[in-house]
Amino acid sequence: MNTKLILSGLFLLVIIYTGCKKDDEDSQTKTYEYESVRSHCDPLILSIQANQTVTITTTDSVITNISGSVADCDYWTDADGIPDCHYVDDRPELHGLPFMALIGKFGDDYFLVGTYYKHTFTSGGNLELSVNDWGGCGDDSDNVGKFVITVLIE
């Protein structure tokens, strides 16, 4: 297992590579682990080629504000997020997707990744994975927890 620590500005992202490489040279499995999730500020960026199928499985949980007082928004959630949080309607930058969910962005399109996602991309580009939150970054973030994201690209 190789562990790399990457410091970028005020963000600390720990990426743990585990995994097996299939006999097919175009396939790879990697496990990415976010520590101290910082919402939209530290997306995981995957380079996708045309006609690749991406399968993502996500475990573990996050909370936006462990001492928060917003009853329908401040609690632990898995990567499917909190669909009933009233912030979703108030914040256009949440794209109508569940608050604190794992979301994807490919081109100009935003979509729910959640705990399980599988899609064949017809064009190449960068797939950005992040937590659907608009809060502060770095020392201003009040998020706690992590998502463990397993990605299979075929």
Protein backbone atom coordinates (compact mmCIF):
# COMPACT_ATOMS: atom_id res chain seq x y z
CA MET A 1 0.00 0.00 0.00
CA ASN A 2 1.37 3.41 -0.96
CA THR A 3 0.27 6.41 1.05
CA LYS A 4 0.73 9.94 -0.27
CA LEU A 5 0.12 13.15 1.61
CA ILE A 6 -0.67 16.07 -0.63
CA LEU A 7 -0.69 19.59 0.79
CA SER A 8 -2.45 22.14 -1.34
CA GLY A 9 -2.93 25.53 0.26
CA LEU A 10 -4.73 24.94 3.54
CA PHE A 11 -6.18 21.58 2.51
CA LEU A 12 -4.89 18.19 3.54
CA LEU A 13 -6.03 15.31 1.38
CA VAL A 14 -4.90 11.80 2.17
CA ILE A 15 -5.10 9.46 -0.77
CA ILE A 16 -4.64 5.79 -0.07
CA TYR A 17 -4.06 3.63 -3.12
CA THR A 18 -5.00 0.03 -2.67
CA GLY A 19 -6.08 -2.24 -5.27
CA CYS A 20 -5.63 -4.54 -7.91
CA LYS A 21 -5.01 -4.05 -11.53
CA LYS A 22 -6.85 -6.39 -13.81
CA ASP A 23 -5.10 -8.08 -16.70
CA ASP A 24 -6.73 -5.52 -19.01
CA GLU A 25 -4.33 -2.55 -19.05
CA ASP A 26 -7.24 -0.09 -19.39
CA SER A 27 -8.83 -1.18 -16.08
CA GLN A 28 -7.83 0.04 -12.66
CA THR A 29 -9.23 0.05 -9.16
CA LYS A 30 -8.27 2.75 -6.70
CA THR A 31 -9.52 3.65 -3.26
CA TYR A 32 -9.57 7.33 -2.41
CA GLU A 33 -10.13 8.42 1.18
CA TYR A 34 -11.10 11.96 2.06
CA GLU A 35 -10.01 13.04 5.52
CA SER A 36 -11.66 16.14 6.98
CA VAL A 37 -14.02 16.65 4.06
CA ARG A 38 -13.98 20.25 2.90
CA SER A 39 -17.11 20.29 0.74
CA HIS A 40 -16.70 21.58 -2.78
CA CYS A 41 -13.22 22.90 -2.08
CA ASP A 42 -11.23 19.72 -2.61
CA PRO A 43 -12.77 17.72 -5.43
CA LEU A 44 -11.33 14.36 -6.39
CA ILE A 45 -10.60 14.67 -10.13
CA LEU A 46 -10.58 11.57 -12.32
CA SER A 47 -9.51 11.64 -15.96
CA ILE A 48 -12.05 9.73 -18.05
CA GLN A 49 -11.65 8.61 -21.64
CA ALA A 50 -14.49 8.19 -24.12
CA ASN A 51 -16.39 4.89 -23.80
CA GLN A 52 -15.04 4.10 -20.32
CA THR A 53 -17.43 2.72 -17.74
CA VAL A 54 -16.95 4.14 -14.26
CA THR A 55 -18.34 2.37 -11.18
CA ILE A 56 -18.15 4.24 -7.86
CA THR A 57 -19.01 2.80 -4.45
CA THR A 58 -18.89 5.10 -1.43
CA THR A 59 -18.95 4.24 2.28
CA ASP A 60 -18.60 6.12 5.57
CA SER A 61 -20.30 9.38 6.55
CA VAL A 62 -19.95 13.13 7.05
CA ILE A 63 -21.67 15.90 8.95
CA THR A 64 -21.75 19.56 7.96
CA ASN A 65 -21.62 21.01 11.47
CA ILE A 66 -21.21 18.71 14.46
CA SER A 67 -22.46 21.43 16.82
CA GLY A 68 -25.05 22.72 14.37
CA SER A 69 -28.57 23.73 15.22
CA VAL A 70 -30.40 23.27 11.91
CA ALA A 71 -32.61 20.24 12.60
CA ASP A 72 -33.05 19.06 9.04
CA CYS A 73 -29.50 19.77 7.83
CA ASP A 74 -26.95 19.15 10.60
CA TYR A 75 -26.69 15.40 11.07
CA TRP A 76 -24.46 12.52 9.94
CA THR A 77 -25.22 11.25 6.46
CA ASP A 78 -23.85 8.75 4.00
CA ALA A 79 -22.96 9.73 0.42
CA ASP A 80 -26.65 9.86 -0.58
CA GLY A 81 -26.88 13.11 1.40
CA ILE A 82 -29.80 14.89 3.02
CA PRO A 83 -32.53 15.46 0.41
CA ASP A 84 -34.94 17.22 2.83
CA CYS A 85 -32.49 19.90 3.98
CA HIS A 86 -34.07 23.29 3.35
CA TYR A 87 -30.72 24.67 2.12
CA VAL A 88 -31.19 22.74 -1.15
CA ASP A 89 -34.01 25.07 -2.20
CA ASP A 90 -32.21 28.22 -1.02
CA ARG A 91 -28.86 27.62 -2.68
CA PRO A 92 -28.74 27.38 -6.49
CA GLU A 93 -25.12 26.23 -6.27
CA LEU A 94 -26.39 22.94 -4.76
CA HIS A 95 -27.93 22.17 -8.16
CA GLY A 96 -31.10 20.74 -6.58
CA LEU A 97 -29.12 17.71 -5.37
CA PRO A 98 -29.14 16.38 -1.78
CA PHE A 99 -27.13 18.43 0.71
CA MET A 100 -23.84 16.81 1.80
CA ALA A 101 -24.17 14.09 -0.86
CA LEU A 102 -21.27 12.92 -2.97
CA ILE A 103 -21.90 14.54 -6.34
CA GLY A 104 -20.19 14.42 -9.70
CA LYS A 105 -19.49 17.12 -12.24
CA PHE A 106 -18.64 16.25 -15.83
CA GLY A 107 -18.46 19.20 -18.19
CA ASP A 108 -21.31 21.48 -17.11
CA ASP A 109 -23.49 18.66 -15.74
CA TYR A 110 -23.92 17.96 -12.01
CA PHE A 111 -25.39 14.66 -10.82
CA LEU A 112 -25.80 12.49 -7.73
CA VAL A 113 -23.10 9.87 -7.26
CA GLY A 114 -24.17 8.85 -3.75
CA THR A 115 -23.33 5.44 -2.35
CA TYR A 116 -23.38 3.74 -5.77
CA TYR A 117 -22.99 5.06 -9.31
CA LYS A 118 -22.27 3.38 -12.63
CA HIS A 119 -22.09 5.14 -16.00
CA THR A 120 -20.46 4.74 -19.41
CA PHE A 121 -19.13 8.08 -20.60
CA THR A 122 -19.46 8.76 -24.32
CA SER A 123 -16.81 11.50 -24.30
CA GLY A 124 -13.59 12.07 -22.43
CA GLY A 125 -12.94 14.70 -19.78
CA ASN A 126 -12.51 15.25 -16.06
CA LEU A 127 -14.98 13.78 -13.60
CA GLU A 128 -14.96 15.84 -10.40
CA LEU A 129 -16.28 14.25 -7.19
CA SER A 130 -17.08 16.46 -4.22
CA VAL A 131 -19.44 16.96 -1.31
CA ASN A 132 -22.54 19.04 -2.12
CA ASP A 133 -21.92 21.88 0.33
CA TRP A 134 -21.22 25.58 -0.19
CA GLY A 135 -19.53 26.25 3.14
CA GLY A 136 -16.10 27.60 3.86
CA CYS A 137 -12.81 26.04 2.92
CA GLY A 138 -9.69 25.28 4.90
CA ASP A 139 -9.92 26.54 8.47
CA ASP A 140 -13.40 27.96 7.76
CA SER A 141 -14.91 24.54 7.04
CA ASP A 142 -17.08 22.99 9.73
CA ASN A 143 -17.42 19.57 8.05
CA VAL A 144 -16.35 16.44 9.90
CA GLY A 145 -16.01 12.85 8.75
CA LYS A 146 -14.92 11.21 5.51
CA PHE A 147 -16.11 9.33 2.49
CA VAL A 148 -14.18 6.28 1.33
CA ILE A 149 -14.60 6.24 -2.43
CA THR A 150 -13.81 3.14 -4.49
CA VAL A 151 -13.56 3.73 -8.23
CA LEU A 152 -13.43 1.09 -10.95
CA ILE A 153 -12.67 2.38 -14.45
CA GLU A 154 -13.08 -0.06 -17.33
